[in-house]
Amino acid sequence: MAEEFEQIVREYQDKIFCLAFAMLGDRASADETAQEVLVRVWKGLSGFRAESSLSTWIYSITRNTCLTALRRKGPPAGSLEEPAMRREAERHAAARQPMAASTDAAALLDRLPVKYRQVVALYYMQEKSYDEVGRMLGLPVGTVKTYLFRARKSLAEELARERVGKGEA
């Protein structure tokens, strides 16, 4: 079983991290969560019944572990409707989006809602099919397509805004 686990680590370690990063939005949390996922895979490997593909099982563990991490973080304190919170959010957003680096794919993906980021990460970065993404995230195929459409639209609008801001339009 140790050799089988080593093979899983070699094959899935980066993919687990990418999905965790897409869902959580920061490297430290993604790294910690990826390690937690691998521990869960190790502990559960003997009970894996192959009712689904190994990758689907691993991505389900990753997704659920990320969702647990997001719940632990809890909602941000305060409301964005409060003027001080709104100013702070705008200042933070402006600081995180320098014009020179804003076209970086990771920075653009980071601006998407979590539900869109995870679908984009699986479909484009992990090259999974609509069906595979749906199974991994527990979503109907139609919802996967909708999320991808909305994510692409949002990214295109963001790029257009940046180009106008740079005077490239």
N, C-alpha and C. Protein backbone atom coordinates (compact mmCIF):
# COMPACT_ATOMS: atom_id res chain seq x y z
N MET A 1 0.82 -1.19 0.00
CA MET A 1 0.00 0.00 0.00
C MET A 1 0.87 1.26 0.00
N ALA A 2 2.06 1.19 0.58
CA ALA A 2 2.95 2.35 0.62
C ALA A 2 3.37 2.76 -0.78
N GLU A 3 3.67 1.79 -1.63
CA GLU A 3 4.06 2.11 -3.01
C GLU A 3 2.90 2.73 -3.77
N GLU A 4 1.70 2.21 -3.55
CA GLU A 4 0.51 2.76 -4.20
C GLU A 4 0.29 4.21 -3.77
N PHE A 5 0.48 4.47 -2.47
CA PHE A 5 0.31 5.84 -1.97
C PHE A 5 1.38 6.76 -2.55
N GLU A 6 2.62 6.30 -2.64
CA GLU A 6 3.68 7.12 -3.23
C GLU A 6 3.35 7.49 -4.67
N GLN A 7 2.79 6.55 -5.41
CA GLN A 7 2.38 6.82 -6.79
C GLN A 7 1.27 7.88 -6.82
N ILE A 8 0.34 7.78 -5.91
CA ILE A 8 -0.75 8.76 -5.82
C ILE A 8 -0.18 10.14 -5.53
N VAL A 9 0.74 10.20 -4.59
CA VAL A 9 1.35 11.49 -4.24
C VAL A 9 2.04 12.09 -5.47
N ARG A 10 2.82 11.28 -6.17
CA ARG A 10 3.52 11.78 -7.37
C ARG A 10 2.53 12.29 -8.42
N GLU A 11 1.47 11.55 -8.61
CA GLU A 11 0.52 11.88 -9.68
C GLU A 11 -0.45 13.00 -9.31
N TYR A 12 -0.85 13.09 -8.05
CA TYR A 12 -1.93 14.00 -7.68
C TYR A 12 -1.54 15.18 -6.80
N GLN A 13 -0.35 15.20 -6.27
CA GLN A 13 0.04 16.25 -5.33
C GLN A 13 -0.16 17.65 -5.91
N ASP A 14 0.34 17.89 -7.10
CA ASP A 14 0.20 19.22 -7.71
C ASP A 14 -1.25 19.52 -8.06
N LYS A 15 -1.99 18.53 -8.49
CA LYS A 15 -3.40 18.73 -8.85
C LYS A 15 -4.23 19.06 -7.62
N ILE A 16 -3.93 18.39 -6.53
CA ILE A 16 -4.63 18.68 -5.27
C ILE A 16 -4.33 20.12 -4.84
N PHE A 17 -3.06 20.50 -4.91
CA PHE A 17 -2.70 21.86 -4.52
C PHE A 17 -3.40 22.89 -5.41
N CYS A 18 -3.44 22.66 -6.72
CA CYS A 18 -4.07 23.61 -7.64
C CYS A 18 -5.55 23.80 -7.32
N LEU A 19 -6.25 22.70 -7.07
CA LEU A 19 -7.66 22.82 -6.73
C LEU A 19 -7.83 23.53 -5.39
N ALA A 20 -7.01 23.18 -4.42
CA ALA A 20 -7.10 23.84 -3.11
C ALA A 20 -6.81 25.33 -3.24
N PHE A 21 -5.81 25.67 -4.04
CA PHE A 21 -5.48 27.09 -4.23
C PHE A 21 -6.63 27.83 -4.92
N ALA A 22 -7.24 27.17 -5.91
CA ALA A 22 -8.37 27.79 -6.62
C ALA A 22 -9.55 28.02 -5.67
N MET A 23 -9.75 27.11 -4.75
CA MET A 23 -10.89 27.25 -3.83
C MET A 23 -10.60 28.18 -2.66
N LEU A 24 -9.38 28.15 -2.16
CA LEU A 24 -9.06 28.88 -0.94
C LEU A 24 -8.45 30.25 -1.19
N GLY A 25 -7.76 30.40 -2.32
CA GLY A 25 -7.27 31.71 -2.70
C GLY A 25 -5.94 32.13 -2.10
N ASP A 26 -5.32 31.32 -1.27
CA ASP A 26 -3.99 31.70 -0.79
C ASP A 26 -3.12 30.46 -0.63
N ARG A 27 -1.85 30.67 -0.88
CA ARG A 27 -0.89 29.56 -0.93
C ARG A 27 -0.75 28.81 0.39
N ALA A 28 -0.67 29.55 1.47
CA ALA A 28 -0.47 28.89 2.77
C ALA A 28 -1.63 27.96 3.10
N SER A 29 -2.84 28.44 2.93
CA SER A 29 -4.02 27.60 3.20
C SER A 29 -4.08 26.43 2.24
N ALA A 30 -3.75 26.68 0.97
CA ALA A 30 -3.79 25.61 -0.03
C ALA A 30 -2.76 24.54 0.29
N ASP A 31 -1.57 24.95 0.70
CA ASP A 31 -0.51 24.00 1.03
C ASP A 31 -0.91 23.15 2.24
N GLU A 32 -1.41 23.80 3.27
CA GLU A 32 -1.85 23.10 4.48
C GLU A 32 -2.99 22.13 4.15
N THR A 33 -3.93 22.59 3.36
CA THR A 33 -5.08 21.75 3.00
C THR A 33 -4.65 20.58 2.12
N ALA A 34 -3.73 20.82 1.20
CA ALA A 34 -3.24 19.73 0.34
C ALA A 34 -2.59 18.64 1.19
N GLN A 35 -1.85 19.04 2.20
CA GLN A 35 -1.22 18.05 3.10
C GLN A 35 -2.30 17.28 3.86
N GLU A 36 -3.32 17.98 4.31
CA GLU A 36 -4.42 17.33 5.02
C GLU A 36 -5.14 16.33 4.10
N VAL A 37 -5.32 16.71 2.84
CA VAL A 37 -5.96 15.82 1.87
C VAL A 37 -5.14 14.55 1.70
N LEU A 38 -3.84 14.69 1.56
CA LEU A 38 -2.99 13.50 1.39
C LEU A 38 -3.05 12.58 2.61
N VAL A 39 -3.14 13.15 3.79
CA VAL A 39 -3.29 12.33 5.00
C VAL A 39 -4.62 11.58 4.94
N ARG A 40 -5.68 12.27 4.54
CA ARG A 40 -7.00 11.62 4.43
C ARG A 40 -6.99 10.53 3.36
N VAL A 41 -6.31 10.78 2.27
CA VAL A 41 -6.21 9.76 1.21
C VAL A 41 -5.48 8.55 1.76
N TRP A 42 -4.37 8.77 2.46
CA TRP A 42 -3.60 7.67 3.05
C TRP A 42 -4.47 6.85 3.99
N LYS A 43 -5.20 7.53 4.87
CA LYS A 43 -6.03 6.83 5.84
C LYS A 43 -7.19 6.09 5.17
N GLY A 44 -7.72 6.64 4.09
CA GLY A 44 -8.88 6.05 3.45
C GLY A 44 -8.57 5.10 2.31
N LEU A 45 -7.32 4.98 1.93
CA LEU A 45 -6.95 4.19 0.77
C LEU A 45 -7.36 2.73 0.89
N SER A 46 -7.24 2.17 2.06
CA SER A 46 -7.61 0.75 2.23
C SER A 46 -9.12 0.54 2.07
N GLY A 47 -9.90 1.58 2.30
CA GLY A 47 -11.35 1.47 2.16
C GLY A 47 -11.87 1.93 0.81
N PHE A 48 -10.99 2.37 -0.08
CA PHE A 48 -11.42 2.82 -1.41
C PHE A 48 -11.98 1.63 -2.17
N ARG A 49 -13.25 1.74 -2.59
CA ARG A 49 -13.95 0.62 -3.22
C ARG A 49 -14.00 0.73 -4.74
N ALA A 50 -13.41 1.74 -5.31
CA ALA A 50 -13.36 1.91 -6.77
C ALA A 50 -14.75 2.01 -7.40
N GLU A 51 -15.73 2.54 -6.64
CA GLU A 51 -17.05 2.78 -7.20
C GLU A 51 -17.01 3.99 -8.14
N SER A 52 -16.01 4.81 -7.96
CA SER A 52 -15.73 5.92 -8.87
C SER A 52 -14.25 5.84 -9.19
N SER A 53 -13.80 6.69 -10.11
CA SER A 53 -12.38 6.66 -10.43
C SER A 53 -11.58 7.20 -9.24
N LEU A 54 -10.33 6.84 -9.19
CA LEU A 54 -9.45 7.31 -8.12
C LEU A 54 -9.39 8.83 -8.10
N SER A 55 -9.29 9.45 -9.30
CA SER A 55 -9.20 10.91 -9.35
C SER A 55 -10.47 11.56 -8.80
N THR A 56 -11.62 11.00 -9.11
CA THR A 56 -12.88 11.56 -8.60
C THR A 56 -12.91 11.47 -7.08
N TRP A 57 -12.47 10.34 -6.54
CA TRP A 57 -12.43 10.15 -5.09
C TRP A 57 -11.49 11.17 -4.44
N ILE A 58 -10.31 11.34 -5.03
CA ILE A 58 -9.33 12.28 -4.48
C ILE A 58 -9.83 13.71 -4.58
N TYR A 59 -10.43 14.08 -5.71
CA TYR A 59 -10.95 15.44 -5.85
C TYR A 59 -12.12 15.69 -4.92
N SER A 60 -12.92 14.68 -4.64
CA SER A 60 -14.02 14.84 -3.68
C SER A 60 -13.46 15.10 -2.28
N ILE A 61 -12.44 14.37 -1.92
CA ILE A 61 -11.79 14.60 -0.62
C ILE A 61 -11.23 16.01 -0.58
N THR A 62 -10.58 16.42 -1.67
CA THR A 62 -9.99 17.77 -1.73
C THR A 62 -11.07 18.83 -1.59
N ARG A 63 -12.11 18.69 -2.36
CA ARG A 63 -13.21 19.67 -2.33
C ARG A 63 -13.80 19.75 -0.92
N ASN A 64 -14.11 18.62 -0.33
CA ASN A 64 -14.72 18.63 1.00
C ASN A 64 -13.79 19.20 2.06
N THR A 65 -12.51 18.91 1.95
CA THR A 65 -11.53 19.46 2.89
C THR A 65 -11.43 20.97 2.73
N CYS A 66 -11.47 21.45 1.49
CA CYS A 66 -11.44 22.89 1.24
C CYS A 66 -12.69 23.57 1.78
N LEU A 67 -13.84 22.96 1.56
CA LEU A 67 -15.09 23.54 2.06
C LEU A 67 -15.07 23.62 3.59
N THR A 68 -14.51 22.60 4.23
CA THR A 68 -14.38 22.63 5.68
C THR A 68 -13.45 23.77 6.11
N ALA A 69 -12.35 23.95 5.39
CA ALA A 69 -11.42 25.03 5.70
C ALA A 69 -12.09 26.39 5.53
N LEU A 70 -12.89 26.53 4.48
CA LEU A 70 -13.60 27.79 4.25
C LEU A 70 -14.61 28.05 5.37
N ARG A 71 -15.30 27.02 5.82
CA ARG A 71 -16.26 27.19 6.92
C ARG A 71 -15.54 27.58 8.20
N ARG A 72 -14.36 27.01 8.43
CA ARG A 72 -13.59 27.35 9.62
C ARG A 72 -13.21 28.83 9.63
N LYS A 73 -12.87 29.33 8.45
CA LYS A 73 -12.51 30.76 8.35
C LYS A 73 -13.69 31.63 8.73
N GLY A 74 -14.89 31.20 8.34
CA GLY A 74 -16.10 31.95 8.64
C GLY A 74 -16.20 33.18 7.77
N PRO A 75 -17.35 33.83 7.82
CA PRO A 75 -17.54 35.03 7.01
C PRO A 75 -16.69 36.17 7.56
N PRO A 76 -16.32 37.10 6.70
CA PRO A 76 -15.54 38.24 7.18
C PRO A 76 -16.34 39.04 8.20
N ALA A 77 -15.64 39.57 9.17
CA ALA A 77 -16.31 40.37 10.19
C ALA A 77 -16.82 41.67 9.59
N GLY A 78 -17.96 42.13 10.11
CA GLY A 78 -18.52 43.38 9.62
C GLY A 78 -19.27 43.20 8.32
N SER A 79 -19.89 44.25 7.88
CA SER A 79 -20.66 44.23 6.65
C SER A 79 -20.02 45.16 5.63
N LEU A 80 -20.08 44.76 4.37
CA LEU A 80 -19.54 45.63 3.33
C LEU A 80 -20.39 46.86 3.13
N GLU A 81 -21.56 46.86 3.72
CA GLU A 81 -22.43 48.03 3.61
C GLU A 81 -21.97 49.15 4.54
N GLU A 82 -21.18 48.83 5.54
CA GLU A 82 -20.66 49.86 6.42
C GLU A 82 -19.60 50.65 5.65
N PRO A 83 -19.66 51.99 5.68
CA PRO A 83 -18.71 52.79 4.90
C PRO A 83 -17.24 52.46 5.18
N ALA A 84 -16.88 52.25 6.42
CA ALA A 84 -15.48 51.95 6.74
C ALA A 84 -15.07 50.61 6.13
N MET A 85 -15.95 49.63 6.19
CA MET A 85 -15.65 48.32 5.61
C MET A 85 -15.54 48.42 4.09
N ARG A 86 -16.42 49.18 3.47
CA ARG A 86 -16.38 49.34 2.02
C ARG A 86 -15.08 50.00 1.58
N ARG A 87 -14.66 51.06 2.28
CA ARG A 87 -13.39 51.73 1.95
C ARG A 87 -12.22 50.76 2.10
N GLU A 88 -12.23 49.99 3.18
CA GLU A 88 -11.14 49.03 3.42
C GLU A 88 -11.12 47.96 2.34
N ALA A 89 -12.29 47.47 1.95
CA ALA A 89 -12.37 46.45 0.89
C ALA A 89 -11.86 47.01 -0.43
N GLU A 90 -12.23 48.24 -0.74
CA GLU A 90 -11.77 48.86 -1.99
C GLU A 90 -10.26 49.09 -1.95
N ARG A 91 -9.74 49.54 -0.81
CA ARG A 91 -8.30 49.75 -0.67
C ARG A 91 -7.55 48.43 -0.82
N HIS A 92 -8.07 47.40 -0.19
CA HIS A 92 -7.45 46.07 -0.27
C HIS A 92 -7.48 45.55 -1.70
N ALA A 93 -8.61 45.72 -2.36
CA ALA A 93 -8.73 45.26 -3.75
C ALA A 93 -7.75 46.01 -4.65
N ALA A 94 -7.63 47.29 -4.45
CA ALA A 94 -6.72 48.09 -5.28
C ALA A 94 -5.27 47.67 -5.01
N ALA A 95 -4.94 47.40 -3.76
CA ALA A 95 -3.57 46.99 -3.43
C ALA A 95 -3.24 45.62 -4.01
N ARG A 96 -4.23 44.76 -4.12
CA ARG A 96 -4.00 43.40 -4.63
C ARG A 96 -3.98 43.35 -6.14
N GLN A 97 -4.36 44.40 -6.81
CA GLN A 97 -4.49 44.36 -8.26
C GLN A 97 -3.62 45.40 -8.95
N PRO A 98 -2.30 45.35 -8.76
CA PRO A 98 -1.46 46.30 -9.47
C PRO A 98 -1.61 46.08 -10.97
N MET A 99 -1.59 47.15 -11.74
CA MET A 99 -1.86 47.06 -13.17
C MET A 99 -0.86 46.17 -13.89
N ALA A 100 0.40 46.23 -13.53
CA ALA A 100 1.40 45.45 -14.25
C ALA A 100 1.21 43.94 -14.07
N ALA A 101 0.75 43.53 -12.91
CA ALA A 101 0.63 42.10 -12.65
C ALA A 101 -0.80 41.59 -12.76
N SER A 102 -1.74 42.48 -13.05
CA SER A 102 -3.14 42.09 -12.97
C SER A 102 -3.56 41.11 -14.05
N THR A 103 -2.81 41.03 -15.14
CA THR A 103 -3.18 40.06 -16.16
C THR A 103 -2.66 38.68 -15.86
N ASP A 104 -1.93 38.54 -14.78
CA ASP A 104 -1.48 37.23 -14.34
C ASP A 104 -2.71 36.36 -14.09
N ALA A 105 -2.68 35.15 -14.60
CA ALA A 105 -3.83 34.26 -14.51
C ALA A 105 -4.25 34.01 -13.06
N ALA A 106 -3.30 33.80 -12.17
CA ALA A 106 -3.65 33.53 -10.78
C ALA A 106 -4.37 34.73 -10.15
N ALA A 107 -3.90 35.93 -10.46
CA ALA A 107 -4.55 37.12 -9.91
C ALA A 107 -5.96 37.26 -10.46
N LEU A 108 -6.14 36.97 -11.73
CA LEU A 108 -7.48 37.04 -12.32
C LEU A 108 -8.40 35.99 -11.71
N LEU A 109 -7.89 34.77 -11.58
CA LEU A 109 -8.71 33.71 -10.99
C LEU A 109 -9.07 34.02 -9.55
N ASP A 110 -8.17 34.65 -8.85
CA ASP A 110 -8.40 34.98 -7.45
C ASP A 110 -9.60 35.91 -7.28
N ARG A 111 -9.93 36.66 -8.31
CA ARG A 111 -11.05 37.60 -8.24
C ARG A 111 -12.39 36.93 -8.46
N LEU A 112 -12.37 35.69 -8.94
CA LEU A 112 -13.62 34.97 -9.19
C LEU A 112 -14.18 34.41 -7.88
N PRO A 113 -15.50 34.26 -7.80
CA PRO A 113 -16.08 33.57 -6.64
C PRO A 113 -15.55 32.13 -6.58
N VAL A 114 -15.51 31.57 -5.40
CA VAL A 114 -14.95 30.23 -5.18
C VAL A 114 -15.61 29.20 -6.10
N LYS A 115 -16.93 29.25 -6.23
CA LYS A 115 -17.62 28.23 -7.04
C LYS A 115 -17.17 28.28 -8.49
N TYR A 116 -16.83 29.44 -9.00
CA TYR A 116 -16.33 29.56 -10.37
C TYR A 116 -14.88 29.12 -10.46
N ARG A 117 -14.07 29.52 -9.45
CA ARG A 117 -12.64 29.18 -9.46
C ARG A 117 -12.43 27.68 -9.49
N GLN A 118 -13.20 26.96 -8.68
CA GLN A 118 -12.97 25.52 -8.62
C GLN A 118 -13.36 24.84 -9.92
N VAL A 119 -14.41 25.31 -10.59
CA VAL A 119 -14.81 24.74 -11.88
C VAL A 119 -13.76 25.06 -12.94
N VAL A 120 -13.29 26.30 -12.96
CA VAL A 120 -12.25 26.71 -13.92
C VAL A 120 -10.98 25.90 -13.69
N ALA A 121 -10.60 25.74 -12.44
CA ALA A 121 -9.37 24.99 -12.12
C ALA A 121 -9.45 23.56 -12.64
N LEU A 122 -10.58 22.92 -12.41
CA LEU A 122 -10.70 21.53 -12.86
C LEU A 122 -10.82 21.42 -14.38
N TYR A 123 -11.62 22.28 -14.97
CA TYR A 123 -11.87 22.16 -16.41
C TYR A 123 -10.65 22.58 -17.24
N TYR A 124 -10.09 23.72 -16.93
CA TYR A 124 -8.99 24.23 -17.75
C TYR A 124 -7.62 23.78 -17.26
N MET A 125 -7.39 23.85 -15.97
CA MET A 125 -6.05 23.54 -15.46
C MET A 125 -5.81 22.04 -15.32
N GLN A 126 -6.86 21.31 -14.93
CA GLN A 126 -6.72 19.87 -14.77
C GLN A 126 -7.25 19.11 -15.99
N GLU A 127 -7.80 19.84 -16.94
CA GLU A 127 -8.30 19.28 -18.21
C GLU A 127 -9.32 18.17 -17.99
N LYS A 128 -10.26 18.41 -17.09
CA LYS A 128 -11.33 17.46 -16.85
C LYS A 128 -12.52 17.81 -17.75
N SER A 129 -13.32 16.80 -18.08
CA SER A 129 -14.52 17.02 -18.91
C SER A 129 -15.62 17.64 -18.04
N TYR A 130 -16.69 18.10 -18.69
CA TYR A 130 -17.84 18.63 -17.95
C TYR A 130 -18.37 17.58 -16.98
N ASP A 131 -18.49 16.34 -17.47
CA ASP A 131 -19.01 15.26 -16.62
C ASP A 131 -18.10 15.02 -15.42
N GLU A 132 -16.79 14.98 -15.65
CA GLU A 132 -15.85 14.75 -14.56
C GLU A 132 -15.91 15.87 -13.53
N VAL A 133 -15.96 17.10 -14.00
CA VAL A 133 -16.05 18.25 -13.09
C VAL A 133 -17.33 18.14 -12.27
N GLY A 134 -18.42 17.83 -12.93
CA GLY A 134 -19.69 17.69 -12.23
C GLY A 134 -19.65 16.62 -11.15
N ARG A 135 -19.08 15.47 -11.49
CA ARG A 135 -18.98 14.38 -10.50
C ARG A 135 -18.08 14.78 -9.33
N MET A 136 -16.96 15.41 -9.65
CA MET A 136 -16.01 15.78 -8.61
C MET A 136 -16.57 16.82 -7.64
N LEU A 137 -17.39 17.73 -8.17
CA LEU A 137 -17.91 18.81 -7.33
C LEU A 137 -19.35 18.58 -6.90
N GLY A 138 -19.94 17.49 -7.36
CA GLY A 138 -21.32 17.21 -7.00
C GLY A 138 -22.30 18.18 -7.64
N LEU A 139 -22.01 18.57 -8.88
CA LEU A 139 -22.85 19.53 -9.61
C LEU A 139 -23.41 18.89 -10.87
N PRO A 140 -24.61 19.31 -11.28
CA PRO A 140 -25.10 18.87 -12.59
C PRO A 140 -24.24 19.46 -13.70
N VAL A 141 -24.17 18.79 -14.84
CA VAL A 141 -23.35 19.25 -15.97
C VAL A 141 -23.79 20.65 -16.42
N GLY A 142 -25.09 20.90 -16.40
CA GLY A 142 -25.59 22.22 -16.79
C GLY A 142 -25.05 23.32 -15.90
N THR A 143 -24.94 23.05 -14.62
CA THR A 143 -24.39 24.03 -13.68
C THR A 143 -22.91 24.25 -13.95
N VAL A 144 -22.18 23.19 -14.26
CA VAL A 144 -20.76 23.32 -14.60
C VAL A 144 -20.62 24.24 -15.81
N LYS A 145 -21.41 24.03 -16.83
CA LYS A 145 -21.35 24.85 -18.04
C LYS A 145 -21.71 26.30 -17.73
N THR A 146 -22.72 26.49 -16.90
CA THR A 146 -23.12 27.85 -16.51
C THR A 146 -22.00 28.55 -15.76
N TYR A 147 -21.39 27.86 -14.79
CA TYR A 147 -20.31 28.46 -14.02
C TYR A 147 -19.13 28.81 -14.92
N LEU A 148 -18.80 27.94 -15.86
CA LEU A 148 -17.70 28.22 -16.79
C LEU A 148 -18.04 29.44 -17.66
N PHE A 149 -19.26 29.50 -18.15
CA PHE A 149 -19.68 30.64 -18.96
C PHE A 149 -19.56 31.94 -18.16
N ARG A 150 -20.08 31.93 -16.94
CA ARG A 150 -20.03 33.14 -16.10
C ARG A 150 -18.60 33.51 -15.73
N ALA A 151 -17.77 32.52 -15.48
CA ALA A 151 -16.37 32.78 -15.15
C ALA A 151 -15.65 33.41 -16.34
N ARG A 152 -15.85 32.85 -17.53
CA ARG A 152 -15.21 33.42 -18.74
C ARG A 152 -15.69 34.84 -18.98
N LYS A 153 -16.99 35.07 -18.82
CA LYS A 153 -17.54 36.41 -19.01
C LYS A 153 -16.94 37.39 -18.01
N SER A 154 -16.85 36.97 -16.77
CA SER A 154 -16.28 37.83 -15.73
C SER A 154 -14.81 38.14 -16.01
N LEU A 155 -14.06 37.13 -16.42
CA LEU A 155 -12.64 37.33 -16.74
C LEU A 155 -12.47 38.25 -17.94
N ALA A 156 -13.31 38.09 -18.95
CA ALA A 156 -13.23 38.95 -20.14
C ALA A 156 -13.54 40.39 -19.77
N GLU A 157 -14.54 40.60 -18.93
CA GLU A 157 -14.89 41.96 -18.50
C GLU A 157 -13.75 42.58 -17.70
N GLU A 158 -13.12 41.77 -16.85
CA GLU A 158 -12.00 42.25 -16.04
C GLU A 158 -10.83 42.67 -16.93
N LEU A 159 -10.52 41.84 -17.92
CA LEU A 159 -9.44 42.19 -18.85
C LEU A 159 -9.77 43.45 -19.64
N ALA A 160 -11.00 43.58 -20.06
CA ALA A 160 -11.41 44.78 -20.81
C ALA A 160 -11.27 46.02 -19.94
N ARG A 161 -11.68 45.93 -18.67
CA ARG A 161 -11.54 47.08 -17.77
C ARG A 161 -10.08 47.47 -17.60
N GLU A 162 -9.21 46.47 -17.48
CA GLU A 162 -7.79 46.76 -17.32
C GLU A 162 -7.21 47.43 -18.56
N ARG A 163 -7.60 46.94 -19.71
CA ARG A 163 -7.10 47.54 -20.94
C ARG A 163 -7.56 48.98 -21.09
N VAL A 164 -8.80 49.25 -20.73
CA VAL A 164 -9.30 50.63 -20.78
C VAL A 164 -8.51 51.47 -19.79
N GLY A 165 -8.26 50.93 -18.61
CA GLY A 165 -7.49 51.65 -17.58
C GLY A 165 -6.07 51.95 -18.02
N LYS A 166 -5.51 51.08 -18.86
CA LYS A 166 -4.15 51.26 -19.36
C LYS A 166 -4.12 52.09 -20.63
N GLY A 167 -5.29 52.38 -21.17
CA GLY A 167 -5.34 53.13 -22.43
C GLY A 167 -5.08 52.29 -23.66
N GLU A 168 -5.26 50.96 -23.53
CA GLU A 168 -5.00 50.07 -24.65
C GLU A 168 -6.22 49.85 -25.53
N ALA A 169 -7.39 50.28 -25.09
CA ALA A 169 -8.61 49.98 -25.82
C ALA A 169 -8.71 50.75 -27.12
